[in-house]
């Protein structure tokens, strides 16, 4: 069975392919034209399910399994923002860099250089017969300055618990072990194996 990813985000595609190397993983844009999916849920789980359902329906193929991820960073000092709005924190057409700088500026505006923060990843799995969702988390510290140019999104401003370097500086193998997405995917893989 093909695993179809309900994302066009190249960083997510690369990360999920690396974590699911035992499966044929295909971004849905390789099968059909990408289309806008309105993520109007109130939680990461709801948005992941919205994406997975929309892509499953659009593919019109009962022999696929669609996986969607909704993830983001929540910063304590900002009352959990940007949360589910992480991908569009600086506006609908914002780049990763736009979002990164806006979040660092928001932390600075509180008069602090750092804040406790965490990443959340919700992964939804949709097949013709079932729907599942799982979560993974990664805790650490958000910075008001970027360091390192590895990874994507908010990686250069986040130091995971137990480390002194940002995700933008850490080796990919270390990040794979720590990642909120890898934690959620390890749970998702258990579900996939049973389907």
Foldseek 3Di string as FASTA:
>chain_A
DEEEELDPPPLVQVLVCVLPVVHHYHHLCVPPPRDDQDQPDPAQQSSQVSSQVVSQVVNPDQPYKYKYKQKAKFFVVVVGPPHSCQVACQHDPDALVSSQLVVLVVCVVVVDFKTKMKMKMKMWIDHPVDIDIFMFMFIFMFGSDFDAQDRTRNQRGTDTPPDDHGSNPDDPVVCCVRPRVNVRVVVVVVVVVVD
